[in-house]
Amino acid sequence: MKDQTKPNAFPPDDGPGLDAFLPDTSQGFIARAGTALTDASGPADPIVVKDALKTVHDPEIPVNIFDLGLIYDVDRRQNGDVYITMSLTAPGCPVAGEMPGQVAAAVAAADGVGAVSVELVWSPPWTPERMSDDARLALDF
């Protein structure tokens, strides 16, 4: 029976709520890809990781995420695993649920890289000052 105290109220069993369609963030905003290396000879090559990061582009801005300054930290571990901390240009960015997974997949596909974890953070907030000179030039800053 409809709740008469609220004219447009719906019974609680009307189907899934919005939470059913959002990504699971119970473990934080972390995307994972790749598998641990069995024969790692040390950390992944920093140039290989950087080049992989540069293959990922923000769909709204014609510059790669590395030059945009969205990559805050890259921790290359002795076993070949890589832990990345990144942000987006704004918390309301429409690719917030997808971008960390794309970054993890791109880096995990690189030679000499094991398991990859990408954590999406909002502090410190991204600012245009984080962009490389190449990004500034490309975006006419």
C-alpha atoms as a PDB file:
ATOM      1  CA  MET A   1       0.000   0.000   0.000  1.00  0.00           C
ATOM      2  CA  LYS A   2       1.246   3.469  -0.863  1.00  0.00           C
ATOM      3  CA  ASP A   3       2.496   5.612   2.019  1.00  0.00           C
ATOM      4  CA  GLN A   4      -0.177   8.287   2.393  1.00  0.00           C
ATOM      5  CA  THR A   5       2.153  10.690   4.235  1.00  0.00           C
ATOM      6  CA  LYS A   6       4.288  11.149   1.122  1.00  0.00           C
ATOM      7  CA  PRO A   7       2.282  11.629  -2.070  1.00  0.00           C
ATOM      8  CA  ASN A   8       4.945  10.142  -4.393  1.00  0.00           C
ATOM      9  CA  ALA A   9       6.505   7.564  -2.067  1.00  0.00           C
ATOM     10  CA  PHE A  10       7.148   4.083  -3.424  1.00  0.00           C
ATOM     11  CA  PRO A  11       7.218   0.862  -1.451  1.00  0.00           C
ATOM     12  CA  PRO A  12      10.768  -0.286  -0.647  1.00  0.00           C
ATOM     13  CA  ASP A  13      10.476  -3.401  -2.847  1.00  0.00           C
ATOM     14  CA  ASP A  14      10.036  -1.602  -6.193  1.00  0.00           C
ATOM     15  CA  GLY A  15      13.295  -2.969  -7.564  1.00  0.00           C
ATOM     16  CA  PRO A  16      16.956  -2.029  -7.396  1.00  0.00           C
ATOM     17  CA  GLY A  17      18.001   1.399  -6.224  1.00  0.00           C
ATOM     18  CA  LEU A  18      20.671   3.633  -7.731  1.00  0.00           C
ATOM     19  CA  ASP A  19      23.366   1.871  -5.647  1.00  0.00           C
ATOM     20  CA  ALA A  20      22.815  -1.287  -7.705  1.00  0.00           C
ATOM     21  CA  PHE A  21      24.116   0.484 -10.810  1.00  0.00           C
ATOM     22  CA  LEU A  22      27.125   2.289  -9.337  1.00  0.00           C
ATOM     23  CA  PRO A  23      30.601   0.718  -9.112  1.00  0.00           C
ATOM     24  CA  ASP A  24      31.409  -1.100  -5.876  1.00  0.00           C
ATOM     25  CA  THR A  25      33.488   1.332  -3.849  1.00  0.00           C
ATOM     26  CA  SER A  26      33.446  -0.626  -0.581  1.00  0.00           C
ATOM     27  CA  GLN A  27      37.159  -1.328  -1.029  1.00  0.00           C
ATOM     28  CA  GLY A  28      37.905   2.224  -2.156  1.00  0.00           C
ATOM     29  CA  PHE A  29      38.406   3.459  -5.686  1.00  0.00           C
ATOM     30  CA  ILE A  30      40.988   0.897  -6.786  1.00  0.00           C
ATOM     31  CA  ALA A  31      41.141  -0.843 -10.150  1.00  0.00           C
ATOM     32  CA  ARG A  32      43.323  -3.878 -10.726  1.00  0.00           C
ATOM     33  CA  ALA A  33      44.729  -5.610 -13.801  1.00  0.00           C
ATOM     34  CA  GLY A  34      47.499  -8.033 -14.683  1.00  0.00           C
ATOM     35  CA  THR A  35      48.983 -10.885 -12.722  1.00  0.00           C
ATOM     36  CA  ALA A  36      52.017 -11.280 -10.529  1.00  0.00           C
ATOM     37  CA  LEU A  37      55.205 -12.173 -12.377  1.00  0.00           C
ATOM     38  CA  THR A  38      56.827 -15.490 -11.513  1.00  0.00           C
ATOM     39  CA  ASP A  39      60.233 -14.449 -12.801  1.00  0.00           C
ATOM     40  CA  ALA A  40      60.477 -10.738 -12.001  1.00  0.00           C
ATOM     41  CA  SER A  41      63.992  -9.379 -12.218  1.00  0.00           C
ATOM     42  CA  GLY A  42      63.173  -6.200 -10.315  1.00  0.00           C
ATOM     43  CA  PRO A  43      60.894  -3.222 -10.775  1.00  0.00           C
ATOM     44  CA  ALA A  44      59.241  -2.529 -14.114  1.00  0.00           C
ATOM     45  CA  ASP A  45      61.200  -0.159 -16.346  1.00  0.00           C
ATOM     46  CA  PRO A  46      60.073   3.416 -15.570  1.00  0.00           C
ATOM     47  CA  ILE A  47      60.114   4.389 -19.249  1.00  0.00           C
ATOM     48  CA  VAL A  48      57.919   1.410 -20.173  1.00  0.00           C
ATOM     49  CA  VAL A  49      55.413   2.359 -17.447  1.00  0.00           C
ATOM     50  CA  LYS A  50      55.444   6.029 -18.483  1.00  0.00           C
ATOM     51  CA  ASP A  51      54.928   5.115 -22.142  1.00  0.00           C
ATOM     52  CA  ALA A  52      51.980   2.879 -21.183  1.00  0.00           C
ATOM     53  CA  LEU A  53      50.442   5.705 -19.152  1.00  0.00           C
ATOM     54  CA  LYS A  54      50.781   8.028 -22.131  1.00  0.00           C
ATOM     55  CA  THR A  55      48.568   5.720 -24.218  1.00  0.00           C
ATOM     56  CA  VAL A  56      45.540   6.570 -22.060  1.00  0.00           C
ATOM     57  CA  HIS A  57      43.687   9.763 -22.952  1.00  0.00           C
ATOM     58  CA  ASP A  58      40.951  11.684 -21.213  1.00  0.00           C
ATOM     59  CA  PRO A  59      38.030  11.411 -23.649  1.00  0.00           C
ATOM     60  CA  GLU A  60      37.087  15.061 -23.138  1.00  0.00           C
ATOM     61  CA  ILE A  61      40.598  16.494 -23.485  1.00  0.00           C
ATOM     62  CA  PRO A  62      42.929  15.597 -26.398  1.00  0.00           C
ATOM     63  CA  VAL A  63      45.944  15.027 -24.119  1.00  0.00           C
ATOM     64  CA  ASN A  64      47.165  11.861 -22.400  1.00  0.00           C
ATOM     65  CA  ILE A  65      46.612  11.471 -18.677  1.00  0.00           C
ATOM     66  CA  PHE A  66      50.323  11.556 -17.852  1.00  0.00           C
ATOM     67  CA  ASP A  67      50.886  14.967 -19.472  1.00  0.00           C
ATOM     68  CA  LEU A  68      47.634  16.245 -17.970  1.00  0.00           C
ATOM     69  CA  GLY A  69      49.182  15.629 -14.561  1.00  0.00           C
ATOM     70  CA  LEU A  70      46.537  13.131 -13.491  1.00  0.00           C
ATOM     71  CA  ILE A  71      49.164  10.615 -12.371  1.00  0.00           C
ATOM     72  CA  TYR A  72      50.209  11.543  -8.838  1.00  0.00           C
ATOM     73  CA  ASP A  73      52.529   8.660  -7.973  1.00  0.00           C
ATOM     74  CA  VAL A  74      53.915   5.480  -9.513  1.00  0.00           C
ATOM     75  CA  ASP A  75      55.353   2.903  -7.117  1.00  0.00           C
ATOM     76  CA  ARG A  76      57.271   0.243  -9.061  1.00  0.00           C
ATOM     77  CA  ARG A  77      57.852  -2.685  -6.747  1.00  0.00           C
ATOM     78  CA  GLN A  78      60.688  -5.220  -6.816  1.00  0.00           C
ATOM     79  CA  ASN A  79      58.382  -8.038  -7.915  1.00  0.00           C
ATOM     80  CA  GLY A  80      57.270  -6.133 -11.044  1.00  0.00           C
ATOM     81  CA  ASP A  81      53.961  -4.990  -9.584  1.00  0.00           C
ATOM     82  CA  VAL A  82      53.004  -1.339 -10.021  1.00  0.00           C
ATOM     83  CA  TYR A  83      50.860   0.766  -7.708  1.00  0.00           C
ATOM     84  CA  ILE A  84      49.565   4.024  -9.209  1.00  0.00           C
ATOM     85  CA  THR A  85      47.803   6.903  -7.516  1.00  0.00           C
ATOM     86  CA  MET A  86      45.859   9.166  -9.847  1.00  0.00           C
ATOM     87  CA  SER A  87      43.137  11.771  -9.947  1.00  0.00           C
ATOM     88  CA  LEU A  88      40.791  13.215 -12.532  1.00  0.00           C
ATOM     89  CA  THR A  89      40.218  16.792 -13.591  1.00  0.00           C
ATOM     90  CA  ALA A  90      37.014  16.938 -11.503  1.00  0.00           C
ATOM     91  CA  PRO A  91      35.137  14.595  -9.129  1.00  0.00           C
ATOM     92  CA  GLY A  92      32.090  14.746 -11.391  1.00  0.00           C
ATOM     93  CA  CYS A  93      34.094  13.525 -14.383  1.00  0.00           C
ATOM     94  CA  PRO A  94      31.925  11.067 -16.337  1.00  0.00           C
ATOM     95  CA  VAL A  95      34.801   8.568 -16.697  1.00  0.00           C
ATOM     96  CA  ALA A  96      35.503   8.319 -12.952  1.00  0.00           C
ATOM     97  CA  GLY A  97      34.308   4.718 -12.845  1.00  0.00           C
ATOM     98  CA  GLU A  98      36.179   3.659 -15.989  1.00  0.00           C
ATOM     99  CA  MET A  99      39.457   5.554 -16.155  1.00  0.00           C
ATOM    100  CA  PRO A 100      41.342   3.706 -13.358  1.00  0.00           C
ATOM    101  CA  GLY A 101      40.530   0.382 -15.046  1.00  0.00           C
ATOM    102  CA  GLN A 102      41.782   1.661 -18.397  1.00  0.00           C
ATOM    103  CA  VAL A 103      44.995   2.852 -16.763  1.00  0.00           C
ATOM    104  CA  ALA A 104      45.495  -0.461 -14.950  1.00  0.00           C
ATOM    105  CA  ALA A 105      44.935  -2.447 -18.156  1.00  0.00           C
ATOM    106  CA  ALA A 106      47.304  -0.280 -20.206  1.00  0.00           C
ATOM    107  CA  VAL A 107      50.141  -0.561 -17.693  1.00  0.00           C
ATOM    108  CA  ALA A 108      49.547  -4.282 -17.047  1.00  0.00           C
ATOM    109  CA  ALA A 109      49.914  -4.953 -20.785  1.00  0.00           C
ATOM    110  CA  ALA A 110      53.419  -3.452 -20.822  1.00  0.00           C
ATOM    111  CA  ASP A 111      56.523  -5.680 -20.862  1.00  0.00           C
ATOM    112  CA  GLY A 112      57.971  -6.522 -17.461  1.00  0.00           C
ATOM    113  CA  VAL A 113      54.910  -5.409 -15.494  1.00  0.00           C
ATOM    114  CA  GLY A 114      53.098  -7.706 -13.084  1.00  0.00           C
ATOM    115  CA  ALA A 115      49.919  -6.896 -11.199  1.00  0.00           C
ATOM    116  CA  VAL A 116      48.783  -3.275 -11.366  1.00  0.00           C
ATOM    117  CA  SER A 117      46.637  -1.376  -8.878  1.00  0.00           C
ATOM    118  CA  VAL A 118      45.325   2.094  -9.668  1.00  0.00           C
ATOM    119  CA  GLU A 119      43.863   4.125  -6.845  1.00  0.00           C
ATOM    120  CA  LEU A 120      41.694   7.128  -7.655  1.00  0.00           C
ATOM    121  CA  VAL A 121      42.180   9.948  -5.150  1.00  0.00           C
ATOM    122  CA  TRP A 122      40.755  13.456  -4.842  1.00  0.00           C
ATOM    123  CA  SER A 123      43.318  14.956  -2.502  1.00  0.00           C
ATOM    124  CA  PRO A 124      45.136  16.979  -3.458  1.00  0.00           C
ATOM    125  CA  PRO A 125      42.664  18.174  -6.078  1.00  0.00           C
ATOM    126  CA  TRP A 126      43.946  18.343  -9.649  1.00  0.00           C
ATOM    127  CA  THR A 127      44.794  21.808 -10.970  1.00  0.00           C
ATOM    128  CA  PRO A 128      46.020  22.939 -14.417  1.00  0.00           C
ATOM    129  CA  GLU A 129      49.428  23.677 -12.869  1.00  0.00           C
ATOM    130  CA  ARG A 130      50.051  19.912 -12.828  1.00  0.00           C
ATOM    131  CA  MET A 131      50.089  19.760 -16.667  1.00  0.00           C
ATOM    132  CA  SER A 132      53.340  19.282 -18.571  1.00  0.00           C
ATOM    133  CA  ASP A 133      54.592  21.948 -20.947  1.00  0.00           C
ATOM    134  CA  ASP A 134      53.530  19.721 -23.856  1.00  0.00           C
ATOM    135  CA  ALA A 135      49.966  19.579 -22.509  1.00  0.00           C
ATOM    136  CA  ARG A 136      49.877  23.325 -21.996  1.00  0.00           C
ATOM    137  CA  LEU A 137      51.007  23.854 -25.573  1.00  0.00           C
ATOM    138  CA  ALA A 138      48.492  21.357 -26.971  1.00  0.00           C
ATOM    139  CA  LEU A 139      45.648  22.969 -25.039  1.00  0.00           C
ATOM    140  CA  ASP A 140      46.796  26.528 -25.771  1.00  0.00           C
ATOM    141  CA  PHE A 141      47.357  27.420 -22.097  1.00  0.00           C
END
